Amino acid sequence: MLTIRYFAAARAARGQSSEQVDYAGSLGGLVAALGTTYTDRTAGGMTLAQVFERCSFLLNGARVDLDAQLGPGDRLDVLPPFAGG
């Protein structure tokens, strides 16, 4: 299982702070699948897909791009931009 942890606006848009999914493939494929599955949640008026467009992703603690490959045992952190200084 792949563990996904959502932070800030991503957590609000998904409606939970984490989940485990049975997924192996690219990060881009996962983002597309989740973005089209969870369309009813909003964070500041945005859908999950819209929040994903602004996010950074950490795979097992390292920043990755959408072509990164995900698999069982991985941890993915979904990090929208944070405000503050």
C-alpha atoms as a PDB file:
ATOM      1  CA  MET A   1       0.000   0.000   0.000  1.00  0.00           C
ATOM      2  CA  LEU A   2       1.055   3.569  -0.754  1.00  0.00           C
ATOM      3  CA  THR A   3       0.499   6.065   2.077  1.00  0.00           C
ATOM      4  CA  ILE A   4      -0.598   9.561   1.058  1.00  0.00           C
ATOM      5  CA  ARG A   5      -0.464  12.408   3.575  1.00  0.00           C
ATOM      6  CA  TYR A   6      -2.328  15.625   2.750  1.00  0.00           C
ATOM      7  CA  PHE A   7      -1.426  19.001   4.243  1.00  0.00           C
ATOM      8  CA  ALA A   8      -3.231  22.371   4.461  1.00  0.00           C
ATOM      9  CA  ALA A   9      -5.461  23.055   1.419  1.00  0.00           C
ATOM     10  CA  ALA A  10      -4.882  19.534   0.084  1.00  0.00           C
ATOM     11  CA  ARG A  11      -6.231  18.107   3.358  1.00  0.00           C
ATOM     12  CA  ALA A  12      -9.272  20.385   3.142  1.00  0.00           C
ATOM     13  CA  ALA A  13      -9.934  19.459  -0.487  1.00  0.00           C
ATOM     14  CA  ARG A  14      -9.563  15.712   0.141  1.00  0.00           C
ATOM     15  CA  GLY A  15     -11.468  15.807   3.420  1.00  0.00           C
ATOM     16  CA  GLN A  16      -8.907  13.794   5.359  1.00  0.00           C
ATOM     17  CA  SER A  17      -5.278  14.020   6.429  1.00  0.00           C
ATOM     18  CA  SER A  18      -4.064  10.685   5.068  1.00  0.00           C
ATOM     19  CA  GLU A  19      -5.059   7.524   3.272  1.00  0.00           C
ATOM     20  CA  GLN A  20      -3.585   4.317   1.972  1.00  0.00           C
ATOM     21  CA  VAL A  21      -4.140   3.284  -1.624  1.00  0.00           C
ATOM     22  CA  ASP A  22      -3.212   0.236  -3.647  1.00  0.00           C
ATOM     23  CA  TYR A  23      -1.314   1.955  -6.464  1.00  0.00           C
ATOM     24  CA  ALA A  24       1.837   1.430  -8.478  1.00  0.00           C
ATOM     25  CA  GLY A  25       2.651   3.781 -11.325  1.00  0.00           C
ATOM     26  CA  SER A  26       3.569   7.386 -11.950  1.00  0.00           C
ATOM     27  CA  LEU A  27       2.775  10.251  -9.628  1.00  0.00           C
ATOM     28  CA  GLY A  28       1.107  11.975 -12.582  1.00  0.00           C
ATOM     29  CA  GLY A  29      -1.227   9.009 -13.025  1.00  0.00           C
ATOM     30  CA  LEU A  30      -2.161   9.032  -9.348  1.00  0.00           C
ATOM     31  CA  VAL A  31      -2.764  12.794  -9.339  1.00  0.00           C
ATOM     32  CA  ALA A  32      -5.012  12.479 -12.404  1.00  0.00           C
ATOM     33  CA  ALA A  33      -6.967   9.576 -10.908  1.00  0.00           C
ATOM     34  CA  LEU A  34      -7.513  11.248  -7.536  1.00  0.00           C
ATOM     35  CA  GLY A  35      -8.331  14.601  -9.135  1.00  0.00           C
ATOM     36  CA  THR A  36     -11.122  13.084 -11.215  1.00  0.00           C
ATOM     37  CA  THR A  37     -12.409  10.849  -8.412  1.00  0.00           C
ATOM     38  CA  TYR A  38     -12.753  13.498  -5.702  1.00  0.00           C
ATOM     39  CA  THR A  39     -14.446  16.443  -7.372  1.00  0.00           C
ATOM     40  CA  ASP A  40     -17.013  17.389  -4.728  1.00  0.00           C
ATOM     41  CA  ARG A  41     -14.633  18.623  -2.031  1.00  0.00           C
ATOM     42  CA  THR A  42     -13.449  22.205  -2.110  1.00  0.00           C
ATOM     43  CA  ALA A  43     -10.691  24.161  -0.400  1.00  0.00           C
ATOM     44  CA  GLY A  44     -11.134  27.874  -0.775  1.00  0.00           C
ATOM     45  CA  GLY A  45     -13.416  27.150  -3.728  1.00  0.00           C
ATOM     46  CA  MET A  46     -10.941  24.796  -5.422  1.00  0.00           C
ATOM     47  CA  THR A  47     -11.331  21.127  -6.279  1.00  0.00           C
ATOM     48  CA  LEU A  48      -8.670  18.598  -5.369  1.00  0.00           C
ATOM     49  CA  ALA A  49      -7.404  18.646  -8.972  1.00  0.00           C
ATOM     50  CA  GLN A  50      -6.977  22.429  -8.799  1.00  0.00           C
ATOM     51  CA  VAL A  51      -5.132  22.165  -5.487  1.00  0.00           C
ATOM     52  CA  PHE A  52      -2.837  19.494  -6.967  1.00  0.00           C
ATOM     53  CA  GLU A  53      -1.799  21.953  -9.713  1.00  0.00           C
ATOM     54  CA  ARG A  54      -0.184  24.145  -7.059  1.00  0.00           C
ATOM     55  CA  CYS A  55       1.342  21.387  -4.915  1.00  0.00           C
ATOM     56  CA  SER A  56       4.808  20.058  -4.358  1.00  0.00           C
ATOM     57  CA  PHE A  57       5.192  16.343  -3.744  1.00  0.00           C
ATOM     58  CA  LEU A  58       7.645  14.553  -1.489  1.00  0.00           C
ATOM     59  CA  LEU A  59       8.218  10.850  -2.049  1.00  0.00           C
ATOM     60  CA  ASN A  60       9.795   9.244   1.006  1.00  0.00           C
ATOM     61  CA  GLY A  61      11.051  12.700   2.014  1.00  0.00           C
ATOM     62  CA  ALA A  62      12.527  13.766  -1.346  1.00  0.00           C
ATOM     63  CA  ARG A  63      10.919  16.241  -3.745  1.00  0.00           C
ATOM     64  CA  VAL A  64       9.745  14.584  -6.964  1.00  0.00           C
ATOM     65  CA  ASP A  65       8.126  15.492 -10.278  1.00  0.00           C
ATOM     66  CA  LEU A  66       5.017  13.957 -11.814  1.00  0.00           C
ATOM     67  CA  ASP A  67       7.025  11.305 -13.678  1.00  0.00           C
ATOM     68  CA  ALA A  68       8.235   9.719 -10.403  1.00  0.00           C
ATOM     69  CA  GLN A  69       7.289   6.070  -9.972  1.00  0.00           C
ATOM     70  CA  LEU A  70       5.308   5.100  -6.878  1.00  0.00           C
ATOM     71  CA  GLY A  71       4.926   1.695  -5.328  1.00  0.00           C
ATOM     72  CA  PRO A  72       3.993  -0.299  -2.252  1.00  0.00           C
ATOM     73  CA  GLY A  73       5.560   0.931   0.961  1.00  0.00           C
ATOM     74  CA  ASP A  74       6.139   4.468  -0.346  1.00  0.00           C
ATOM     75  CA  ARG A  75       4.986   7.584   1.504  1.00  0.00           C
ATOM     76  CA  LEU A  76       3.789  10.543  -0.544  1.00  0.00           C
ATOM     77  CA  ASP A  77       3.366  13.974   1.060  1.00  0.00           C
ATOM     78  CA  VAL A  78       1.124  16.460  -0.776  1.00  0.00           C
ATOM     79  CA  LEU A  79       2.233  20.008   0.072  1.00  0.00           C
ATOM     80  CA  PRO A  80       0.370  23.056  -1.213  1.00  0.00           C
ATOM     81  CA  PRO A  81       2.084  26.441  -0.998  1.00  0.00           C
ATOM     82  CA  PHE A  82       2.179  27.692   2.559  1.00  0.00           C
ATOM     83  CA  ALA A  83       1.551  31.312   3.489  1.00  0.00           C
ATOM     84  CA  GLY A  84       3.535  33.132   6.101  1.00  0.00           C
ATOM     85  CA  GLY A  85       6.978  34.372   6.632  1.00  0.00           C
END
